[in-house]
Amino acid sequence: MNIDSTTDLRFPDSDGKPMSDNTEQFRWIVLIKENLEILFADDPNVFVAGDLLWYPIKSRSAGSAAPDAMVVFGRPKGRRGSYKQWEENNVPPQVVFEILSPSNTAQEMADKLAFYQLHGIEEYYLYDPDDIELKGWIRQGEILAPTAQMNGWTSPRLGIEFRLGRELVIYRPDGRPFLSSIELDQRARRLERSLETERQRAHQLEEYLRSIGIDPDQIPPNS
């Protein structure tokens, strides 16, 4: 993707704001963004990003937003300094997530909702990890309408399900929960140990068969 240098100056790749205000907000941003990456890893035309500046219109007066996580269907994966919609076949992000922090004001969040509504977002999710409160908005014509019940809600675009208890749990379409990088590593280690155990058992069985005069390589596979 070729980007004009003058365009870069007019539309910088950074807004100078921090990605998060605290460890809990950062944890949720990473959890959602990385699991969405995993969910759509095999689809080359789903672009997922976190804290990436999105310019919907080639005009500085139109403003910009940097959703904590966003998903764009119909655009290729790849490196971007920012998401300039006019360079992306004019495809806006369809789904965005925001994680609330204590520094966010009611006016700031109202402005974000208005921005997402104006520029074509189909689904908007706002999670407050302190109060364990999830809000959602779904596009109905020209507006983003609030979703009445978020506990058990399934995203029409993503196919993921939200459940609220002691904290938010997000489930993939196959029923597996979103996991942190530590949890994913722990599962991978358990799988490696299980496979190693199976390999050792298979080796022991082969040694036993040979000790009683049976060549395991000559045993039919379905016997």
C-alpha atoms as a PDB file:
ATOM      1  CA  MET A   1       0.000   0.000   0.000  1.00  0.00           C
ATOM      2  CA  ASN A   2       1.594   3.248  -1.153  1.00  0.00           C
ATOM      3  CA  ILE A   3       0.938   6.258   1.075  1.00  0.00           C
ATOM      4  CA  ASP A   4       1.725   9.815   0.050  1.00  0.00           C
ATOM      5  CA  SER A   5       4.110  11.562   2.468  1.00  0.00           C
ATOM      6  CA  THR A   6       1.950  14.699   2.548  1.00  0.00           C
ATOM      7  CA  THR A   7      -1.009  12.577   3.573  1.00  0.00           C
ATOM      8  CA  ASP A   8       1.076  11.215   6.450  1.00  0.00           C
ATOM      9  CA  LEU A   9       1.744  14.741   7.687  1.00  0.00           C
ATOM     10  CA  ARG A  10      -1.909  15.687   7.548  1.00  0.00           C
ATOM     11  CA  PHE A  11      -3.041  12.419   9.079  1.00  0.00           C
ATOM     12  CA  PRO A  12      -0.427  11.350  11.648  1.00  0.00           C
ATOM     13  CA  ASP A  13      -0.213   7.765  12.843  1.00  0.00           C
ATOM     14  CA  SER A  14      -0.295   8.739  16.511  1.00  0.00           C
ATOM     15  CA  ASP A  15      -2.650  10.878  18.554  1.00  0.00           C
ATOM     16  CA  GLY A  16      -0.182  11.121  21.439  1.00  0.00           C
ATOM     17  CA  LYS A  17      -2.574   9.409  23.849  1.00  0.00           C
ATOM     18  CA  PRO A  18      -1.610   6.319  25.890  1.00  0.00           C
ATOM     19  CA  MET A  19      -3.070   2.964  24.930  1.00  0.00           C
ATOM     20  CA  SER A  20      -4.432   2.412  28.431  1.00  0.00           C
ATOM     21  CA  ASP A  21      -4.621   4.070  31.846  1.00  0.00           C
ATOM     22  CA  ASN A  22      -4.096   1.010  34.034  1.00  0.00           C
ATOM     23  CA  THR A  23      -3.168  -2.667  33.997  1.00  0.00           C
ATOM     24  CA  GLU A  24      -6.780  -3.909  34.013  1.00  0.00           C
ATOM     25  CA  GLN A  25      -7.756  -1.847  31.001  1.00  0.00           C
ATOM     26  CA  PHE A  26      -4.627  -2.985  29.172  1.00  0.00           C
ATOM     27  CA  ARG A  27      -5.319  -6.635  30.055  1.00  0.00           C
ATOM     28  CA  TRP A  28      -8.765  -6.486  28.499  1.00  0.00           C
ATOM     29  CA  ILE A  29      -7.596  -4.635  25.402  1.00  0.00           C
ATOM     30  CA  VAL A  30      -4.942  -7.272  24.751  1.00  0.00           C
ATOM     31  CA  LEU A  31      -7.270 -10.183  25.577  1.00  0.00           C
ATOM     32  CA  ILE A  32      -9.964  -9.061  23.152  1.00  0.00           C
ATOM     33  CA  LYS A  33      -7.657  -7.942  20.355  1.00  0.00           C
ATOM     34  CA  GLU A  34      -5.418 -11.027  20.427  1.00  0.00           C
ATOM     35  CA  ASN A  35      -8.305 -13.489  20.627  1.00  0.00           C
ATOM     36  CA  LEU A  36     -10.022 -11.790  17.711  1.00  0.00           C
ATOM     37  CA  GLU A  37      -6.750 -12.184  15.787  1.00  0.00           C
ATOM     38  CA  ILE A  38      -6.769 -15.893  16.629  1.00  0.00           C
ATOM     39  CA  LEU A  39     -10.445 -16.234  15.711  1.00  0.00           C
ATOM     40  CA  PHE A  40      -9.882 -14.840  12.205  1.00  0.00           C
ATOM     41  CA  ALA A  41      -6.298 -16.025  11.693  1.00  0.00           C
ATOM     42  CA  ASP A  42      -7.244 -18.188   8.712  1.00  0.00           C
ATOM     43  CA  ASP A  43      -9.198 -15.485   6.891  1.00  0.00           C
ATOM     44  CA  PRO A  44      -6.817 -13.201   4.945  1.00  0.00           C
ATOM     45  CA  ASN A  45      -9.567 -10.643   4.437  1.00  0.00           C
ATOM     46  CA  VAL A  46     -10.342  -9.840   8.055  1.00  0.00           C
ATOM     47  CA  PHE A  47      -8.183  -7.092   9.531  1.00  0.00           C
ATOM     48  CA  VAL A  48      -7.979  -6.824  13.326  1.00  0.00           C
ATOM     49  CA  ALA A  49      -6.207  -3.993  15.158  1.00  0.00           C
ATOM     50  CA  GLY A  50      -5.861  -2.498  18.611  1.00  0.00           C
ATOM     51  CA  ASP A  51      -5.478   1.205  19.419  1.00  0.00           C
ATOM     52  CA  LEU A  52      -5.022   2.051  15.727  1.00  0.00           C
ATOM     53  CA  LEU A  53      -6.027   5.504  14.535  1.00  0.00           C
ATOM     54  CA  TRP A  54      -8.952   5.369  12.132  1.00  0.00           C
ATOM     55  CA  TYR A  55      -9.558   8.269   9.767  1.00  0.00           C
ATOM     56  CA  PRO A  56     -12.985   7.769   8.139  1.00  0.00           C
ATOM     57  CA  ILE A  57     -12.824  10.726   5.755  1.00  0.00           C
ATOM     58  CA  LYS A  58      -9.936  12.487   4.011  1.00  0.00           C
ATOM     59  CA  SER A  59     -10.544  15.666   5.932  1.00  0.00           C
ATOM     60  CA  ARG A  60      -8.900  16.789   9.148  1.00  0.00           C
ATOM     61  CA  SER A  61     -12.174  18.342  10.276  1.00  0.00           C
ATOM     62  CA  ALA A  62     -13.839  14.907  10.213  1.00  0.00           C
ATOM     63  CA  GLY A  63     -11.765  13.792  13.172  1.00  0.00           C
ATOM     64  CA  SER A  64     -10.457  10.351  14.042  1.00  0.00           C
ATOM     65  CA  ALA A  65     -10.821   7.578  16.587  1.00  0.00           C
ATOM     66  CA  ALA A  66      -8.559   4.880  17.976  1.00  0.00           C
ATOM     67  CA  PRO A  67     -10.801   2.035  19.162  1.00  0.00           C
ATOM     68  CA  ASP A  68      -9.266  -0.259  21.760  1.00  0.00           C
ATOM     69  CA  ALA A  69      -9.997  -3.075  19.296  1.00  0.00           C
ATOM     70  CA  MET A  70     -11.576  -3.062  15.871  1.00  0.00           C
ATOM     71  CA  VAL A  71     -12.459  -5.618  13.217  1.00  0.00           C
ATOM     72  CA  VAL A  72     -12.712  -4.875   9.503  1.00  0.00           C
ATOM     73  CA  PHE A  73     -14.247  -7.479   7.221  1.00  0.00           C
ATOM     74  CA  GLY A  74     -13.242  -7.241   3.585  1.00  0.00           C
ATOM     75  CA  ARG A  75      -9.776  -5.776   4.080  1.00  0.00           C
ATOM     76  CA  PRO A  76      -6.501  -7.714   3.976  1.00  0.00           C
ATOM     77  CA  LYS A  77      -4.303  -8.336   6.949  1.00  0.00           C
ATOM     78  CA  GLY A  78      -1.058  -6.387   7.019  1.00  0.00           C
ATOM     79  CA  ARG A  79       0.936  -3.600   8.600  1.00  0.00           C
ATOM     80  CA  ARG A  80      -0.602  -0.147   8.859  1.00  0.00           C
ATOM     81  CA  GLY A  81       0.447   3.004  10.631  1.00  0.00           C
ATOM     82  CA  SER A  82      -3.188   4.059  10.748  1.00  0.00           C
ATOM     83  CA  TYR A  83      -6.434   3.062   9.051  1.00  0.00           C
ATOM     84  CA  LYS A  84      -7.175   5.649   6.385  1.00  0.00           C
ATOM     85  CA  GLN A  85     -10.551   4.576   5.080  1.00  0.00           C
ATOM     86  CA  TRP A  86     -10.178   6.186   1.640  1.00  0.00           C
ATOM     87  CA  GLU A  87      -7.135   3.952   1.075  1.00  0.00           C
ATOM     88  CA  GLU A  88      -9.126   0.858   2.133  1.00  0.00           C
ATOM     89  CA  ASN A  89     -11.784   0.841  -0.604  1.00  0.00           C
ATOM     90  CA  ASN A  90     -13.778   3.066   1.754  1.00  0.00           C
ATOM     91  CA  VAL A  91     -14.542   0.090   4.011  1.00  0.00           C
ATOM     92  CA  PRO A  92     -15.116   1.207   7.612  1.00  0.00           C
ATOM     93  CA  PRO A  93     -14.522  -1.024  10.616  1.00  0.00           C
ATOM     94  CA  GLN A  94     -17.690  -2.990  11.278  1.00  0.00           C
ATOM     95  CA  VAL A  95     -17.078  -3.842  14.954  1.00  0.00           C
ATOM     96  CA  VAL A  96     -15.298  -1.833  17.650  1.00  0.00           C
ATOM     97  CA  PHE A  97     -14.581  -2.392  21.339  1.00  0.00           C
ATOM     98  CA  GLU A  98     -13.795   0.119  24.051  1.00  0.00           C
ATOM     99  CA  ILE A  99     -12.610  -0.695  27.583  1.00  0.00           C
ATOM    100  CA  LEU A 100     -13.694   1.918  30.088  1.00  0.00           C
ATOM    101  CA  SER A 101     -11.130   3.429  32.460  1.00  0.00           C
ATOM    102  CA  PRO A 102     -11.632   5.793  35.436  1.00  0.00           C
ATOM    103  CA  SER A 103     -10.327   8.719  33.389  1.00  0.00           C
ATOM    104  CA  ASN A 104     -13.017   8.388  30.708  1.00  0.00           C
ATOM    105  CA  THR A 105     -15.732  11.021  31.093  1.00  0.00           C
ATOM    106  CA  ALA A 106     -19.387  10.611  30.183  1.00  0.00           C
ATOM    107  CA  GLN A 107     -19.001  13.313  27.521  1.00  0.00           C
ATOM    108  CA  GLU A 108     -15.985  11.542  25.997  1.00  0.00           C
ATOM    109  CA  MET A 109     -17.880   8.265  25.714  1.00  0.00           C
ATOM    110  CA  ALA A 110     -20.942  10.035  24.296  1.00  0.00           C
ATOM    111  CA  ASP A 111     -18.712  11.634  21.669  1.00  0.00           C
ATOM    112  CA  LYS A 112     -17.247   8.233  20.768  1.00  0.00           C
ATOM    113  CA  LEU A 113     -20.704   6.713  20.367  1.00  0.00           C
ATOM    114  CA  ALA A 114     -21.735   9.612  18.127  1.00  0.00           C
ATOM    115  CA  PHE A 115     -18.562   9.228  16.039  1.00  0.00           C
ATOM    116  CA  TYR A 116     -19.094   5.495  15.575  1.00  0.00           C
ATOM    117  CA  GLN A 117     -22.734   6.037  14.714  1.00  0.00           C
ATOM    118  CA  LEU A 118     -21.921   8.718  12.133  1.00  0.00           C
ATOM    119  CA  HIS A 119     -19.197   6.729  10.392  1.00  0.00           C
ATOM    120  CA  GLY A 120     -20.848   3.374   9.833  1.00  0.00           C
ATOM    121  CA  ILE A 121     -19.910   1.111  12.738  1.00  0.00           C
ATOM    122  CA  GLU A 122     -22.294  -1.860  12.836  1.00  0.00           C
ATOM    123  CA  GLU A 123     -21.550  -3.118  16.355  1.00  0.00           C
ATOM    124  CA  TYR A 124     -20.067  -1.231  19.294  1.00  0.00           C
ATOM    125  CA  TYR A 125     -19.214  -2.842  22.640  1.00  0.00           C
ATOM    126  CA  LEU A 126     -18.180  -0.972  25.786  1.00  0.00           C
ATOM    127  CA  TYR A 127     -16.918  -2.904  28.804  1.00  0.00           C
ATOM    128  CA  ASP A 128     -16.333  -1.505  32.280  1.00  0.00           C
ATOM    129  CA  PRO A 129     -14.059  -4.009  34.085  1.00  0.00           C
ATOM    130  CA  ASP A 130     -14.447  -2.227  37.435  1.00  0.00           C
ATOM    131  CA  ASP A 131     -18.234  -2.542  37.553  1.00  0.00           C
ATOM    132  CA  ILE A 132     -18.331  -5.655  35.323  1.00  0.00           C
ATOM    133  CA  GLU A 133     -20.785  -3.889  33.056  1.00  0.00           C
ATOM    134  CA  LEU A 134     -21.061  -4.516  29.325  1.00  0.00           C
ATOM    135  CA  LYS A 135     -23.032  -2.313  26.959  1.00  0.00           C
ATOM    136  CA  GLY A 136     -23.665  -2.938  23.304  1.00  0.00           C
ATOM    137  CA  TRP A 137     -25.077  -1.048  20.352  1.00  0.00           C
ATOM    138  CA  ILE A 138     -26.229  -2.537  17.035  1.00  0.00           C
ATOM    139  CA  ARG A 139     -26.849  -0.552  13.877  1.00  0.00           C
ATOM    140  CA  GLN A 140     -30.452  -0.084  12.912  1.00  0.00           C
ATOM    141  CA  GLY A 141     -30.552   2.068   9.822  1.00  0.00           C
ATOM    142  CA  GLU A 142     -28.811   5.348  10.569  1.00  0.00           C
ATOM    143  CA  ILE A 143     -28.447   4.850  14.307  1.00  0.00           C
ATOM    144  CA  LEU A 144     -26.654   2.582  16.761  1.00  0.00           C
ATOM    145  CA  ALA A 145     -29.413   1.230  18.983  1.00  0.00           C
ATOM    146  CA  PRO A 146     -28.595  -0.051  22.484  1.00  0.00           C
ATOM    147  CA  THR A 147     -28.898  -3.760  23.117  1.00  0.00           C
ATOM    148  CA  ALA A 148     -31.247  -4.412  26.021  1.00  0.00           C
ATOM    149  CA  GLN A 149     -29.650  -7.612  27.342  1.00  0.00           C
ATOM    150  CA  MET A 150     -25.937  -8.241  26.949  1.00  0.00           C
ATOM    151  CA  ASN A 151     -25.634 -11.331  29.153  1.00  0.00           C
ATOM    152  CA  GLY A 152     -25.809 -14.182  26.648  1.00  0.00           C
ATOM    153  CA  TRP A 153     -25.701 -11.852  23.638  1.00  0.00           C
ATOM    154  CA  THR A 154     -24.076 -13.188  20.463  1.00  0.00           C
ATOM    155  CA  SER A 155     -22.420 -10.759  18.080  1.00  0.00           C
ATOM    156  CA  PRO A 156     -24.064 -11.014  14.644  1.00  0.00           C
ATOM    157  CA  ARG A 157     -20.794 -10.200  12.861  1.00  0.00           C
ATOM    158  CA  LEU A 158     -18.274 -12.045  15.014  1.00  0.00           C
ATOM    159  CA  GLY A 159     -20.328 -14.979  16.258  1.00  0.00           C
ATOM    160  CA  ILE A 160     -18.860 -14.577  19.756  1.00  0.00           C
ATOM    161  CA  GLU A 161     -21.007 -14.790  22.884  1.00  0.00           C
ATOM    162  CA  PHE A 162     -20.752 -12.532  25.937  1.00  0.00           C
ATOM    163  CA  ARG A 163     -21.499 -13.855  29.418  1.00  0.00           C
ATOM    164  CA  LEU A 164     -21.368 -11.838  32.606  1.00  0.00           C
ATOM    165  CA  GLY A 165     -20.583 -13.281  36.028  1.00  0.00           C
ATOM    166  CA  ARG A 166     -17.708 -12.431  38.327  1.00  0.00           C
ATOM    167  CA  GLU A 167     -16.255 -10.837  35.195  1.00  0.00           C
ATOM    168  CA  LEU A 168     -16.914 -10.855  31.475  1.00  0.00           C
ATOM    169  CA  VAL A 169     -16.274 -14.127  29.662  1.00  0.00           C
ATOM    170  CA  ILE A 170     -16.291 -14.164  25.855  1.00  0.00           C
ATOM    171  CA  TYR A 171     -16.859 -17.423  23.990  1.00  0.00           C
ATOM    172  CA  ARG A 172     -15.826 -18.219  20.452  1.00  0.00           C
ATOM    173  CA  PRO A 173     -18.406 -19.708  18.040  1.00  0.00           C
ATOM    174  CA  ASP A 174     -16.987 -23.193  18.841  1.00  0.00           C
ATOM    175  CA  GLY A 175     -17.697 -22.666  22.544  1.00  0.00           C
ATOM    176  CA  ARG A 176     -14.119 -22.119  23.661  1.00  0.00           C
ATOM    177  CA  PRO A 177     -13.516 -19.065  25.865  1.00  0.00           C
ATOM    178  CA  PHE A 178     -11.181 -16.210  25.061  1.00  0.00           C
ATOM    179  CA  LEU A 179      -7.929 -16.926  26.925  1.00  0.00           C
ATOM    180  CA  SER A 180      -5.008 -14.817  28.009  1.00  0.00           C
ATOM    181  CA  SER A 181      -1.534 -15.444  26.591  1.00  0.00           C
ATOM    182  CA  ILE A 182      -0.584 -17.163  29.867  1.00  0.00           C
ATOM    183  CA  GLU A 183      -3.605 -19.457  29.697  1.00  0.00           C
ATOM    184  CA  LEU A 184      -2.887 -20.257  26.049  1.00  0.00           C
ATOM    185  CA  ASP A 185       0.721 -21.095  26.934  1.00  0.00           C
ATOM    186  CA  GLN A 186      -0.401 -23.311  29.821  1.00  0.00           C
ATOM    187  CA  ARG A 187      -2.765 -25.208  27.526  1.00  0.00           C
ATOM    188  CA  ALA A 188      -0.022 -25.662  24.938  1.00  0.00           C
ATOM    189  CA  ARG A 189       2.326 -27.010  27.608  1.00  0.00           C
ATOM    190  CA  ARG A 190      -0.308 -29.453  28.860  1.00  0.00           C
ATOM    191  CA  LEU A 191      -0.862 -30.662  25.316  1.00  0.00           C
ATOM    192  CA  GLU A 192       2.878 -31.111  24.780  1.00  0.00           C
ATOM    193  CA  ARG A 193       3.123 -33.146  27.996  1.00  0.00           C
ATOM    194  CA  SER A 194       0.156 -35.276  26.969  1.00  0.00           C
ATOM    195  CA  LEU A 195       1.655 -35.955  23.538  1.00  0.00           C
ATOM    196  CA  GLU A 196       5.005 -36.836  25.106  1.00  0.00           C
ATOM    197  CA  THR A 197       3.288 -39.276  27.462  1.00  0.00           C
ATOM    198  CA  GLU A 198       1.529 -40.927  24.524  1.00  0.00           C
ATOM    199  CA  ARG A 199       4.817 -41.187  22.607  1.00  0.00           C
ATOM    200  CA  GLN A 200       6.472 -42.855  25.599  1.00  0.00           C
ATOM    201  CA  ARG A 201       3.614 -45.332  25.942  1.00  0.00           C
ATOM    202  CA  ALA A 202       3.791 -46.176  22.258  1.00  0.00           C
ATOM    203  CA  HIS A 203       7.552 -46.682  22.509  1.00  0.00           C
ATOM    204  CA  GLN A 204       7.158 -48.940  25.553  1.00  0.00           C
ATOM    205  CA  LEU A 205       4.548 -51.005  23.743  1.00  0.00           C
ATOM    206  CA  GLU A 206       6.828 -51.416  20.724  1.00  0.00           C
ATOM    207  CA  GLU A 207       9.678 -52.542  22.988  1.00  0.00           C
ATOM    208  CA  TYR A 208       7.419 -55.049  24.722  1.00  0.00           C
ATOM    209  CA  LEU A 209       6.190 -56.517  21.426  1.00  0.00           C
ATOM    210  CA  ARG A 210       9.728 -56.916  20.194  1.00  0.00           C
ATOM    211  CA  SER A 211      10.704 -58.613  23.478  1.00  0.00           C
ATOM    212  CA  ILE A 212       8.119 -61.343  22.830  1.00  0.00           C
ATOM    213  CA  GLY A 213       9.140 -61.774  19.211  1.00  0.00           C
ATOM    214  CA  ILE A 214       6.557 -59.591  17.483  1.00  0.00           C
ATOM    215  CA  ASP A 215       7.651 -56.964  14.998  1.00  0.00           C
ATOM    216  CA  PRO A 216       5.282 -53.989  15.559  1.00  0.00           C
ATOM    217  CA  ASP A 217       5.998 -52.739  12.034  1.00  0.00           C
ATOM    218  CA  GLN A 218       4.403 -55.882  10.635  1.00  0.00           C
ATOM    219  CA  ILE A 219       1.118 -55.536  12.548  1.00  0.00           C
ATOM    220  CA  PRO A 220      -1.729 -54.396  10.262  1.00  0.00           C
ATOM    221  CA  PRO A 221      -2.893 -50.913  11.273  1.00  0.00           C
ATOM    222  CA  ASN A 222      -6.516 -51.971  11.911  1.00  0.00           C
ATOM    223  CA  SER A 223      -5.768 -55.102  13.861  1.00  0.00           C
END
